[in-house]
Protein backbone atom coordinates (compact mmCIF):
# COMPACT_ATOMS: atom_id res chain seq x y z
CA MET A 1 -0.05 -0.13 -0.05
CA THR A 2 1.42 3.33 -0.98
CA GLY A 3 1.38 6.56 1.34
CA LEU A 4 0.07 10.00 1.05
CA ARG A 5 0.25 11.66 -2.47
CA LYS A 6 2.52 14.34 -2.92
CA ALA A 7 1.02 17.78 -1.55
CA ASN A 8 1.44 19.31 -5.22
CA ALA A 9 -1.34 17.04 -6.12
CA TYR A 10 -3.74 19.08 -4.00
CA SER A 11 -1.81 22.36 -2.66
CA LYS A 12 -2.10 24.70 -5.73
CA ARG A 13 -5.27 23.49 -7.69
CA PRO A 14 -8.35 25.63 -7.83
CA VAL A 15 -10.34 24.67 -4.61
CA THR A 16 -13.79 23.23 -5.05
CA PRO A 17 -15.18 22.06 -1.48
CA TYR A 18 -17.51 19.57 -2.82
CA THR A 19 -16.99 17.51 0.25
CA ARG A 20 -19.97 18.22 2.62
CA LYS A 21 -21.17 15.91 5.24
CA SER A 22 -24.62 16.05 6.51
CA LYS A 23 -26.84 14.02 8.65
CA LYS A 24 -29.17 13.83 5.68
CA LYS A 25 -28.16 11.43 3.14
CA GLY A 26 -29.20 13.11 0.08
CA LYS A 27 -27.30 16.42 1.04
CA SER A 28 -24.06 14.68 2.18
CA PHE A 29 -21.38 14.16 -0.44
CA ILE A 30 -19.14 11.98 1.35
CA LYS A 31 -19.55 8.63 3.73
CA ALA A 32 -17.09 9.69 6.48
CA VAL A 33 -14.85 12.39 7.62
CA PRO A 34 -11.20 11.54 8.31
CA PRO A 35 -10.05 12.23 12.06
CA GLN A 36 -8.67 15.77 13.05
CA SER A 37 -4.84 15.33 13.03
CA VAL A 38 -4.09 18.72 14.52
CA VAL A 39 -4.05 17.91 17.99
CA LYS A 40 -4.03 21.32 19.85
CA PHE A 41 -4.47 24.99 18.15
CA THR A 42 -3.22 26.92 21.17
CA MET A 43 -0.15 26.33 23.20
CA GLY A 44 1.74 28.07 25.74
CA SER A 45 0.39 30.63 28.50
CA GLU A 46 -2.66 31.83 27.24
CA ALA A 47 -3.47 33.96 30.25
CA GLN A 48 -0.33 35.80 30.03
CA PHE A 49 -0.85 36.85 26.79
CA ASN A 50 -4.31 37.95 27.52
CA LYS A 51 -2.93 40.40 29.91
CA GLY A 52 -0.76 41.87 27.39
CA GLU A 53 2.67 40.42 28.89
CA TYR A 54 4.30 39.61 25.33
CA PRO A 55 5.09 42.68 23.62
CA PHE A 56 6.74 40.87 20.48
CA GLN A 57 4.40 39.19 18.24
CA LEU A 58 4.98 37.33 15.02
CA LEU A 59 2.91 35.95 12.30
CA VAL A 60 3.46 33.52 9.40
CA VAL A 61 1.52 34.59 6.28
CA SER A 62 1.15 33.01 2.97
CA ASN A 63 2.65 34.87 0.37
CA GLU A 64 0.86 33.00 -2.81
CA PRO A 65 -1.35 34.91 -5.12
CA ILE A 66 -4.02 32.21 -5.07
CA LYS A 67 -5.81 30.08 -2.55
CA VAL A 68 -3.60 27.29 -1.01
CA GLN A 69 -4.57 24.01 0.71
CA VAL A 70 -2.34 23.30 3.48
CA ARG A 71 -2.61 19.60 4.70
CA SER A 72 -3.48 18.95 8.32
CA ASN A 73 -0.27 16.60 8.82
CA ALA A 74 1.62 19.45 7.57
CA LEU A 75 0.07 21.82 10.30
CA GLU A 76 0.74 19.15 12.90
CA SER A 77 4.16 18.49 12.04
CA CYS A 78 4.84 22.47 12.17
CA ARG A 79 3.08 22.63 15.34
CA GLN A 80 4.91 19.82 17.00
CA PHE A 81 8.20 21.17 15.82
CA ILE A 82 7.86 24.92 17.03
CA ASN A 83 6.17 23.70 20.11
CA LYS A 84 8.90 21.49 21.34
CA LYS A 85 11.74 23.83 20.47
CA MET A 86 9.83 26.90 22.23
CA ASP A 87 9.07 24.98 25.26
CA LYS A 88 12.50 23.44 25.66
CA SER A 89 14.33 26.86 25.43
CA TYR A 90 11.78 29.26 26.61
CA PRO A 91 9.19 27.34 28.91
CA GLY A 92 6.41 29.46 29.71
CA GLN A 93 7.59 32.72 28.18
CA TYR A 94 5.53 32.34 24.78
CA PHE A 95 2.19 32.16 23.38
CA PHE A 96 1.67 30.01 20.19
CA ARG A 97 -1.68 29.41 17.99
CA VAL A 98 -2.17 27.59 14.60
CA LEU A 99 -4.69 30.03 12.86
CA PRO A 100 -6.21 27.85 9.97
CA TYR A 101 -8.80 25.07 10.86
CA PRO A 102 -8.43 22.08 8.35
CA HIS A 103 -12.48 21.80 7.12
CA HIS A 104 -11.75 20.85 3.53
CA ILE A 105 -11.79 17.28 2.94
CA GLN A 106 -9.34 15.98 0.45
CA ARG A 107 -10.48 12.83 -1.86
CA GLU A 108 -8.75 10.56 -4.06
CA ASN A 109 -9.68 7.97 -6.58
CA LYS A 110 -7.45 5.25 -5.95
CA MET A 111 -5.95 3.81 -9.08
CA LEU A 112 -3.81 0.32 -9.24
CA THR A 113 -1.02 -0.32 -11.33
CA GLY A 114 0.65 -3.49 -12.26
CA ALA A 115 -0.53 -6.88 -13.95
CA GLY A 116 -4.15 -7.74 -13.36
CA SER A 117 -5.23 -4.65 -11.86
CA ASP A 118 -6.80 -3.53 -14.61
CA ARG A 119 -9.97 -5.77 -13.68
CA MET A 120 -10.57 -4.01 -10.44
CA GLN A 121 -10.78 -0.48 -11.57
CA THR A 122 -13.84 1.44 -12.81
CA GLY A 123 -11.82 4.47 -14.70
CA MET A 124 -13.66 7.71 -14.65
CA GLN A 125 -17.04 5.96 -13.68
CA LEU A 126 -17.55 6.65 -9.88
CA SER A 127 -14.56 8.87 -10.01
CA PHE A 128 -15.62 11.26 -7.07
CA GLY A 129 -12.96 9.43 -4.54
CA LYS A 130 -12.87 8.44 -1.06
CA ALA A 131 -11.90 10.89 1.81
CA VAL A 132 -8.04 10.50 2.58
CA GLY A 133 -7.47 13.56 4.63
CA ARG A 134 -8.18 17.20 5.81
CA ALA A 135 -6.91 20.50 4.54
CA ALA A 136 -7.08 24.01 5.48
CA ILE A 137 -7.78 26.48 2.67
CA VAL A 138 -5.75 29.46 3.25
CA ASN A 139 -6.49 32.81 1.18
CA PRO A 140 -3.64 34.90 -0.16
CA SER A 141 -1.90 36.54 2.81
CA GLY A 142 -3.88 34.35 4.92
CA GLY A 143 -2.18 33.78 8.61
CA LEU A 144 -0.86 30.48 9.28
CA PHE A 145 1.03 30.54 12.65
CA PHE A 146 1.11 33.29 15.38
CA MET A 147 3.19 33.40 18.04
CA ALA A 148 3.81 35.87 21.13
CA ILE A 149 6.96 36.39 23.11
CA THR A 150 8.24 37.94 25.86
CA ASN A 151 11.88 39.29 24.68
CA LYS A 152 13.97 40.14 21.44
CA LYS A 153 15.85 37.36 21.95
CA ALA A 154 13.01 34.73 22.04
CA GLU A 155 11.84 36.66 18.95
CA ALA A 156 14.89 35.94 16.86
CA PHE A 157 14.71 32.34 17.82
CA ALA A 158 11.12 32.14 16.98
CA ARG A 159 11.90 33.72 13.70
CA HIS A 160 14.46 31.34 13.11
CA LEU A 161 12.11 28.21 13.80
CA PHE A 162 9.63 29.88 11.36
CA LYS A 163 12.22 29.87 8.84
CA GLN A 164 12.87 26.11 9.44
CA ILE A 165 9.32 25.08 8.96
CA LYS A 166 9.29 26.78 5.52
CA SER A 167 10.28 23.24 3.76
CA LYS A 168 7.22 21.43 5.40
CA LEU A 169 4.47 23.88 3.98
CA PRO A 170 3.32 23.69 0.33
CA CYS A 171 3.17 27.60 -0.07
CA VAL A 172 5.59 30.64 -0.10
CA THR A 173 5.42 32.20 3.39
CA ARG A 174 6.61 35.28 4.91
CA ILE A 175 6.87 36.44 8.60
CA GLU A 176 5.36 39.52 9.78
CA THR A 177 5.79 41.54 12.93
CA VAL A 178 2.58 42.72 14.60
CA GLU A 179 2.21 45.31 17.37
CA ASN A 180 -1.04 45.50 19.23
CA GLY A 181 -3.33 43.55 16.67
CA ILE A 182 -1.66 45.51 13.70
CA LYS A 183 0.99 44.17 11.11
CA ILE A 184 3.74 46.30 10.68
């Protein structure tokens, strides 16, 4: 059995979300929804962030001119990497949030190759596909990750971490500085 398809099979294609899941059978396009792989969306100390104790704030933004699909497993791997490094270096001195929620359900029409596999396929008949994963649809200049930090040294470390996760994401990203909720 093969693993996941490459992200470029989904990421920069026109997004048409015919993936509605409804309680009524006639209105539901898909049978089952894959489980959510992003475990947490907020990490660190949210109470201190709400008090305003984190003056340095960073935002990772999509720099693509079109909407992009970011798989939930890509978001989760970035989240785990950043949270692990920040918790080790600056425990309790940061607030980290994953911004997009993976609502979009990706489908795949599985095709078999090799000898004898032609008897099992239906070709383009019934080609809607089965649900294989979830993705977040990110708009142009849409935020991916937000981090608030206590000091300048931690901000430089967070910028370095954000640069390291660029290879895990299917879109070109940029890092923006935020002050009092306003992008600079």
